[in-house]
Amino acid sequence: MRHGLYQLVRYINQSSGRLPVESVVTARRVTDTVREIIDSSDVRPLDVYAVVLVKGIVTDYLPTTLRTFLALDPTQHDVPRAGGRTPVQSLQEQLESLWDSASAALAASRAQDADALMAQGSFLRTKFSRSDLDL
C-alpha cells in the first residue's frame, strides 16, 4: 500500500500545475491521512474496513477523480454544469468527501488503539491488583 501511495503522491505533485491549488492541497491532505492510517499498521494490523478504504482511495477513488478532471478541456473548468456547479467545484467536493472518509477511518483506528489500551489496563489491574487465589 505504501508504494501505491508514494506513486499517487508523485502523480498529484506532477499534476499540480494543471489542478486548482485548493484541490492539490485537499488531495495531499487525503494522502497524508491515508499515510497515517497505513503507518498505524506498524503497531497493529489494520482492520478489514480500513484496508478496503485505503486500497480504494489509493488505487481507484482518488486517481480516478483526478484523472477525470485532468481529462477535461481547461476552458470548461469554470463553466457551470447540471446542478449549477462547475467542474472545479465538483472536484473539490469529491476530494473533500474522500478526505472526510479517510479522516473518519483514521479516527476509528485511533479509537481502536485507545480501546485496546484501556482493555490492557483493565487486564493488568485485575492481574496484578489481587492474588490468583482470590478467584
N, C-alpha and C. Protein backbone atom coordinates (compact mmCIF):
# COMPACT_ATOMS: atom_id res chain seq x y z
N MET A 1 0.82 -1.20 0.00
CA MET A 1 0.00 0.00 0.00
C MET A 1 0.87 1.26 0.00
N ARG A 2 2.00 1.18 0.71
CA ARG A 2 2.86 2.37 0.76
C ARG A 2 3.39 2.75 -0.62
N HIS A 3 3.75 1.75 -1.40
CA HIS A 3 4.28 2.03 -2.74
C HIS A 3 3.20 2.70 -3.61
N GLY A 4 2.00 2.19 -3.56
CA GLY A 4 0.90 2.79 -4.32
C GLY A 4 0.64 4.22 -3.87
N LEU A 5 0.71 4.46 -2.58
CA LEU A 5 0.52 5.82 -2.05
C LEU A 5 1.64 6.74 -2.53
N TYR A 6 2.87 6.24 -2.51
CA TYR A 6 4.01 7.02 -3.00
C TYR A 6 3.79 7.43 -4.46
N GLN A 7 3.36 6.49 -5.28
CA GLN A 7 3.10 6.79 -6.69
C GLN A 7 1.97 7.81 -6.84
N LEU A 8 0.95 7.71 -6.02
CA LEU A 8 -0.17 8.65 -6.07
C LEU A 8 0.29 10.06 -5.69
N VAL A 9 1.10 10.18 -4.67
CA VAL A 9 1.62 11.49 -4.27
C VAL A 9 2.45 12.09 -5.40
N ARG A 10 3.27 11.27 -6.04
CA ARG A 10 4.05 11.75 -7.19
C ARG A 10 3.14 12.24 -8.30
N TYR A 11 2.06 11.50 -8.56
CA TYR A 11 1.11 11.89 -9.61
C TYR A 11 0.46 13.23 -9.27
N ILE A 12 0.07 13.41 -8.03
CA ILE A 12 -0.54 14.68 -7.61
C ILE A 12 0.47 15.81 -7.78
N ASN A 13 1.68 15.59 -7.32
CA ASN A 13 2.71 16.63 -7.44
C ASN A 13 3.00 16.97 -8.90
N GLN A 14 3.09 15.96 -9.75
CA GLN A 14 3.35 16.19 -11.17
C GLN A 14 2.19 16.91 -11.85
N SER A 15 0.99 16.70 -11.37
CA SER A 15 -0.20 17.30 -11.98
C SER A 15 -0.57 18.63 -11.35
N SER A 16 0.16 19.05 -10.36
CA SER A 16 -0.25 20.23 -9.58
C SER A 16 -0.40 21.50 -10.41
N GLY A 17 0.34 21.63 -11.48
CA GLY A 17 0.22 22.81 -12.34
C GLY A 17 -1.07 22.85 -13.15
N ARG A 18 -1.73 21.70 -13.26
CA ARG A 18 -2.97 21.63 -14.04
C ARG A 18 -4.21 21.46 -13.16
N LEU A 19 -3.99 21.42 -11.85
CA LEU A 19 -5.10 21.30 -10.91
C LEU A 19 -5.27 22.60 -10.14
N PRO A 20 -6.48 22.91 -9.69
CA PRO A 20 -6.66 24.08 -8.83
C PRO A 20 -5.84 23.91 -7.54
N VAL A 21 -5.27 24.99 -7.08
CA VAL A 21 -4.40 24.95 -5.89
C VAL A 21 -5.13 24.32 -4.71
N GLU A 22 -6.36 24.74 -4.46
CA GLU A 22 -7.12 24.20 -3.33
C GLU A 22 -7.30 22.69 -3.46
N SER A 23 -7.47 22.21 -4.67
CA SER A 23 -7.64 20.78 -4.89
C SER A 23 -6.35 20.01 -4.65
N VAL A 24 -5.23 20.60 -5.01
CA VAL A 24 -3.94 19.96 -4.73
C VAL A 24 -3.76 19.82 -3.22
N VAL A 25 -4.07 20.88 -2.50
CA VAL A 25 -3.93 20.85 -1.04
C VAL A 25 -4.85 19.78 -0.45
N THR A 26 -6.07 19.72 -0.89
CA THR A 26 -7.02 18.73 -0.36
C THR A 26 -6.60 17.31 -0.74
N ALA A 27 -6.15 17.12 -1.97
CA ALA A 27 -5.69 15.79 -2.39
C ALA A 27 -4.51 15.34 -1.53
N ARG A 28 -3.61 16.25 -1.22
CA ARG A 28 -2.46 15.90 -0.37
C ARG A 28 -2.91 15.67 1.08
N ARG A 29 -3.95 16.34 1.52
CA ARG A 29 -4.50 16.04 2.85
C ARG A 29 -5.02 14.61 2.88
N VAL A 30 -5.66 14.22 1.80
CA VAL A 30 -6.16 12.84 1.71
C VAL A 30 -4.98 11.87 1.80
N THR A 31 -3.95 12.11 1.00
CA THR A 31 -2.81 11.18 1.01
C THR A 31 -2.07 11.19 2.35
N ASP A 32 -2.00 12.35 2.99
CA ASP A 32 -1.35 12.41 4.31
C ASP A 32 -2.15 11.61 5.35
N THR A 33 -3.46 11.71 5.28
CA THR A 33 -4.32 10.98 6.21
C THR A 33 -4.22 9.48 5.95
N VAL A 34 -4.23 9.10 4.68
CA VAL A 34 -4.07 7.68 4.32
C VAL A 34 -2.72 7.16 4.80
N ARG A 35 -1.68 7.97 4.67
CA ARG A 35 -0.35 7.56 5.16
C ARG A 35 -0.39 7.30 6.66
N GLU A 36 -1.09 8.15 7.41
CA GLU A 36 -1.21 7.92 8.85
C GLU A 36 -1.92 6.61 9.15
N ILE A 37 -2.94 6.30 8.37
CA ILE A 37 -3.65 5.03 8.56
C ILE A 37 -2.69 3.87 8.28
N ILE A 38 -1.98 3.95 7.17
CA ILE A 38 -1.04 2.88 6.81
C ILE A 38 0.04 2.76 7.88
N ASP A 39 0.57 3.88 8.35
CA ASP A 39 1.62 3.85 9.37
C ASP A 39 1.15 3.19 10.66
N SER A 40 -0.14 3.30 10.95
CA SER A 40 -0.65 2.67 12.17
C SER A 40 -0.56 1.15 12.09
N SER A 41 -0.41 0.61 10.87
CA SER A 41 -0.28 -0.85 10.73
C SER A 41 1.07 -1.35 11.24
N ASP A 42 2.00 -0.43 11.50
CA ASP A 42 3.28 -0.82 12.10
C ASP A 42 3.09 -1.27 13.54
N VAL A 43 2.03 -0.76 14.17
CA VAL A 43 1.75 -1.07 15.57
C VAL A 43 0.83 -2.29 15.68
N ARG A 44 -0.18 -2.35 14.82
CA ARG A 44 -1.14 -3.45 14.81
C ARG A 44 -1.75 -3.55 13.42
N PRO A 45 -2.21 -4.72 13.06
CA PRO A 45 -2.80 -4.88 11.74
C PRO A 45 -4.04 -3.99 11.57
N LEU A 46 -4.21 -3.48 10.37
CA LEU A 46 -5.41 -2.70 10.07
C LEU A 46 -6.61 -3.62 10.01
N ASP A 47 -7.77 -3.10 10.42
CA ASP A 47 -8.97 -3.92 10.26
C ASP A 47 -9.37 -3.93 8.78
N VAL A 48 -10.22 -4.85 8.43
CA VAL A 48 -10.57 -5.08 7.03
C VAL A 48 -11.20 -3.83 6.40
N TYR A 49 -11.97 -3.09 7.16
CA TYR A 49 -12.61 -1.89 6.61
C TYR A 49 -11.60 -0.82 6.26
N ALA A 50 -10.59 -0.66 7.10
CA ALA A 50 -9.53 0.31 6.82
C ALA A 50 -8.73 -0.10 5.59
N VAL A 51 -8.45 -1.39 5.47
CA VAL A 51 -7.69 -1.88 4.31
C VAL A 51 -8.47 -1.62 3.02
N VAL A 52 -9.76 -1.95 3.03
CA VAL A 52 -10.59 -1.75 1.84
C VAL A 52 -10.65 -0.27 1.48
N LEU A 53 -10.84 0.59 2.47
CA LEU A 53 -10.91 2.03 2.20
C LEU A 53 -9.59 2.56 1.66
N VAL A 54 -8.49 2.21 2.31
CA VAL A 54 -7.18 2.70 1.88
C VAL A 54 -6.88 2.24 0.46
N LYS A 55 -7.07 0.96 0.18
CA LYS A 55 -6.82 0.46 -1.17
C LYS A 55 -7.72 1.14 -2.18
N GLY A 56 -8.98 1.35 -1.82
CA GLY A 56 -9.90 2.03 -2.74
C GLY A 56 -9.46 3.45 -3.04
N ILE A 57 -9.09 4.18 -2.00
CA ILE A 57 -8.65 5.57 -2.20
C ILE A 57 -7.37 5.62 -3.04
N VAL A 58 -6.42 4.78 -2.72
CA VAL A 58 -5.11 4.83 -3.38
C VAL A 58 -5.16 4.33 -4.82
N THR A 59 -5.90 3.26 -5.06
CA THR A 59 -5.86 2.65 -6.39
C THR A 59 -6.99 3.06 -7.31
N ASP A 60 -8.07 3.63 -6.74
CA ASP A 60 -9.22 3.93 -7.58
C ASP A 60 -9.79 5.33 -7.34
N TYR A 61 -10.36 5.57 -6.19
CA TYR A 61 -11.17 6.78 -5.97
C TYR A 61 -10.41 8.08 -6.23
N LEU A 62 -9.26 8.25 -5.60
CA LEU A 62 -8.52 9.50 -5.76
C LEU A 62 -7.89 9.62 -7.15
N PRO A 63 -7.20 8.60 -7.66
CA PRO A 63 -6.65 8.77 -9.00
C PRO A 63 -7.72 8.95 -10.08
N THR A 64 -8.83 8.24 -9.95
CA THR A 64 -9.91 8.39 -10.94
C THR A 64 -10.49 9.79 -10.90
N THR A 65 -10.68 10.32 -9.72
CA THR A 65 -11.21 11.68 -9.57
C THR A 65 -10.27 12.69 -10.25
N LEU A 66 -8.99 12.56 -9.99
CA LEU A 66 -8.03 13.49 -10.56
C LEU A 66 -7.91 13.33 -12.08
N ARG A 67 -7.81 12.09 -12.54
CA ARG A 67 -7.69 11.85 -13.99
C ARG A 67 -8.91 12.36 -14.75
N THR A 68 -10.08 12.17 -14.17
CA THR A 68 -11.31 12.62 -14.82
C THR A 68 -11.30 14.14 -14.98
N PHE A 69 -10.88 14.83 -13.93
CA PHE A 69 -10.79 16.29 -14.02
C PHE A 69 -9.74 16.71 -15.03
N LEU A 70 -8.58 16.08 -14.98
CA LEU A 70 -7.48 16.46 -15.87
C LEU A 70 -7.79 16.18 -17.34
N ALA A 71 -8.72 15.27 -17.60
CA ALA A 71 -9.11 14.96 -18.98
C ALA A 71 -10.01 16.04 -19.58
N LEU A 72 -10.57 16.90 -18.73
CA LEU A 72 -11.44 17.97 -19.22
C LEU A 72 -10.66 19.03 -19.99
N ASP A 73 -11.33 19.63 -20.91
CA ASP A 73 -10.78 20.80 -21.60
C ASP A 73 -10.69 21.91 -20.56
N PRO A 74 -9.51 22.49 -20.35
CA PRO A 74 -9.35 23.53 -19.33
C PRO A 74 -10.32 24.71 -19.47
N THR A 75 -10.81 24.96 -20.67
CA THR A 75 -11.77 26.05 -20.84
C THR A 75 -13.11 25.73 -20.19
N GLN A 76 -13.32 24.47 -19.82
CA GLN A 76 -14.59 24.06 -19.20
C GLN A 76 -14.54 23.99 -17.68
N HIS A 77 -13.39 24.23 -17.10
CA HIS A 77 -13.21 24.10 -15.65
C HIS A 77 -14.16 24.97 -14.84
N ASP A 78 -14.44 26.16 -15.32
CA ASP A 78 -15.27 27.09 -14.55
C ASP A 78 -16.64 27.32 -15.16
N VAL A 79 -17.04 26.46 -16.08
CA VAL A 79 -18.35 26.57 -16.71
C VAL A 79 -19.35 25.73 -15.91
N PRO A 80 -20.42 26.37 -15.39
CA PRO A 80 -21.41 25.62 -14.62
C PRO A 80 -22.04 24.50 -15.45
N ARG A 81 -22.22 23.36 -14.81
CA ARG A 81 -22.83 22.19 -15.43
C ARG A 81 -24.20 21.96 -14.79
N ALA A 82 -24.77 20.81 -15.04
CA ALA A 82 -26.05 20.45 -14.43
C ALA A 82 -25.95 20.61 -12.91
N GLY A 83 -26.95 21.20 -12.33
CA GLY A 83 -26.93 21.44 -10.89
C GLY A 83 -26.25 22.75 -10.53
N GLY A 84 -25.68 23.45 -11.49
CA GLY A 84 -25.09 24.75 -11.24
C GLY A 84 -23.65 24.75 -10.76
N ARG A 85 -23.07 23.57 -10.54
CA ARG A 85 -21.68 23.52 -10.06
C ARG A 85 -20.72 23.43 -11.24
N THR A 86 -19.56 24.01 -11.05
CA THR A 86 -18.51 23.93 -12.07
C THR A 86 -17.70 22.66 -11.84
N PRO A 87 -16.95 22.20 -12.84
CA PRO A 87 -16.06 21.06 -12.63
C PRO A 87 -15.06 21.29 -11.49
N VAL A 88 -14.58 22.51 -11.32
CA VAL A 88 -13.66 22.80 -10.22
C VAL A 88 -14.35 22.59 -8.88
N GLN A 89 -15.59 23.07 -8.77
CA GLN A 89 -16.34 22.88 -7.52
C GLN A 89 -16.63 21.40 -7.27
N SER A 90 -16.99 20.70 -8.32
CA SER A 90 -17.27 19.27 -8.19
C SER A 90 -16.02 18.50 -7.78
N LEU A 91 -14.89 18.84 -8.36
CA LEU A 91 -13.63 18.20 -7.98
C LEU A 91 -13.35 18.41 -6.50
N GLN A 92 -13.47 19.65 -6.06
CA GLN A 92 -13.20 19.95 -4.66
C GLN A 92 -14.15 19.21 -3.73
N GLU A 93 -15.41 19.14 -4.11
CA GLU A 93 -16.41 18.42 -3.31
C GLU A 93 -16.04 16.93 -3.20
N GLN A 94 -15.64 16.33 -4.30
CA GLN A 94 -15.25 14.92 -4.29
C GLN A 94 -14.01 14.69 -3.44
N LEU A 95 -13.03 15.58 -3.54
CA LEU A 95 -11.82 15.45 -2.74
C LEU A 95 -12.13 15.60 -1.25
N GLU A 96 -13.02 16.52 -0.91
CA GLU A 96 -13.39 16.69 0.49
C GLU A 96 -14.12 15.46 1.02
N SER A 97 -14.92 14.82 0.18
CA SER A 97 -15.59 13.57 0.58
C SER A 97 -14.57 12.48 0.87
N LEU A 98 -13.56 12.39 0.03
CA LEU A 98 -12.51 11.40 0.27
C LEU A 98 -11.74 11.70 1.55
N TRP A 99 -11.47 12.98 1.77
CA TRP A 99 -10.76 13.37 2.99
C TRP A 99 -11.60 13.05 4.22
N ASP A 100 -12.90 13.35 4.16
CA ASP A 100 -13.79 13.03 5.28
C ASP A 100 -13.77 11.53 5.58
N SER A 101 -13.83 10.71 4.54
CA SER A 101 -13.82 9.25 4.72
C SER A 101 -12.50 8.78 5.33
N ALA A 102 -11.40 9.29 4.81
CA ALA A 102 -10.09 8.90 5.34
C ALA A 102 -9.94 9.38 6.78
N SER A 103 -10.40 10.57 7.08
CA SER A 103 -10.31 11.10 8.45
C SER A 103 -11.14 10.27 9.42
N ALA A 104 -12.32 9.84 8.99
CA ALA A 104 -13.17 9.00 9.83
C ALA A 104 -12.50 7.66 10.09
N ALA A 105 -11.86 7.09 9.08
CA ALA A 105 -11.15 5.82 9.26
C ALA A 105 -9.98 5.98 10.21
N LEU A 106 -9.26 7.09 10.10
CA LEU A 106 -8.14 7.35 11.00
C LEU A 106 -8.64 7.52 12.43
N ALA A 107 -9.73 8.24 12.61
CA ALA A 107 -10.29 8.42 13.95
C ALA A 107 -10.73 7.08 14.54
N ALA A 108 -11.33 6.23 13.72
CA ALA A 108 -11.76 4.91 14.19
C ALA A 108 -10.55 4.07 14.58
N SER A 109 -9.48 4.18 13.80
CA SER A 109 -8.26 3.44 14.10
C SER A 109 -7.67 3.91 15.43
N ARG A 110 -7.67 5.21 15.62
CA ARG A 110 -7.14 5.75 16.88
C ARG A 110 -8.01 5.36 18.06
N ALA A 111 -9.33 5.35 17.86
CA ALA A 111 -10.25 4.94 18.93
C ALA A 111 -10.03 3.46 19.27
N GLN A 112 -9.78 2.66 18.25
CA GLN A 112 -9.50 1.25 18.47
C GLN A 112 -8.23 1.09 19.30
N ASP A 113 -7.22 1.90 19.00
CA ASP A 113 -5.98 1.86 19.78
C ASP A 113 -6.25 2.24 21.23
N ALA A 114 -7.05 3.29 21.43
CA ALA A 114 -7.37 3.73 22.79
C ALA A 114 -8.16 2.65 23.53
N ASP A 115 -9.10 2.01 22.84
CA ASP A 115 -9.88 0.93 23.46
C ASP A 115 -8.97 -0.24 23.85
N ALA A 116 -8.02 -0.55 22.98
CA ALA A 116 -7.09 -1.63 23.26
C ALA A 116 -6.23 -1.29 24.48
N LEU A 117 -5.81 -0.04 24.59
CA LEU A 117 -5.02 0.38 25.74
C LEU A 117 -5.84 0.28 27.02
N MET A 118 -7.09 0.69 26.97
CA MET A 118 -7.95 0.61 28.15
C MET A 118 -8.18 -0.85 28.56
N ALA A 119 -8.39 -1.71 27.58
CA ALA A 119 -8.58 -3.14 27.88
C ALA A 119 -7.33 -3.73 28.51
N GLN A 120 -6.16 -3.36 27.99
CA GLN A 120 -4.91 -3.84 28.56
C GLN A 120 -4.75 -3.35 29.99
N GLY A 121 -5.12 -2.09 30.24
CA GLY A 121 -5.05 -1.55 31.60
C GLY A 121 -5.96 -2.31 32.55
N SER A 122 -7.16 -2.62 32.11
CA SER A 122 -8.09 -3.39 32.94
C SER A 122 -7.53 -4.78 33.24
N PHE A 123 -6.98 -5.40 32.23
CA PHE A 123 -6.38 -6.72 32.42
C PHE A 123 -5.26 -6.65 33.45
N LEU A 124 -4.38 -5.67 33.30
CA LEU A 124 -3.25 -5.56 34.21
C LEU A 124 -3.70 -5.26 35.64
N ARG A 125 -4.71 -4.40 35.78
CA ARG A 125 -5.23 -4.12 37.12
C ARG A 125 -5.77 -5.39 37.76
N THR A 126 -6.52 -6.13 37.00
CA THR A 126 -7.10 -7.38 37.50
C THR A 126 -5.99 -8.39 37.80
N LYS A 127 -5.05 -8.48 36.92
CA LYS A 127 -3.99 -9.48 37.06
C LYS A 127 -3.08 -9.20 38.24
N PHE A 128 -2.74 -7.94 38.46
CA PHE A 128 -1.72 -7.63 39.45
C PHE A 128 -2.24 -6.96 40.72
N SER A 129 -3.52 -6.67 40.80
CA SER A 129 -4.03 -6.00 42.00
C SER A 129 -4.52 -6.99 43.04
N ARG A 130 -4.65 -8.25 42.65
CA ARG A 130 -5.09 -9.24 43.62
C ARG A 130 -4.40 -10.58 43.30
N SER A 131 -4.46 -11.44 44.20
CA SER A 131 -3.83 -12.74 44.06
C SER A 131 -4.69 -13.64 43.19
N ASP A 132 -4.07 -14.53 42.45
CA ASP A 132 -4.81 -15.52 41.67
C ASP A 132 -5.63 -16.42 42.58
N LEU A 133 -5.26 -16.48 43.87
CA LEU A 133 -6.01 -17.30 44.81
C LEU A 133 -7.34 -16.66 45.21
N ASP A 134 -7.53 -15.37 44.89
CA ASP A 134 -8.77 -14.69 45.24
C ASP A 134 -9.93 -15.06 44.32
N LEU A 135 -9.70 -15.92 43.38
CA LEU A 135 -10.75 -16.30 42.46
C LEU A 135 -11.83 -16.92 43.21
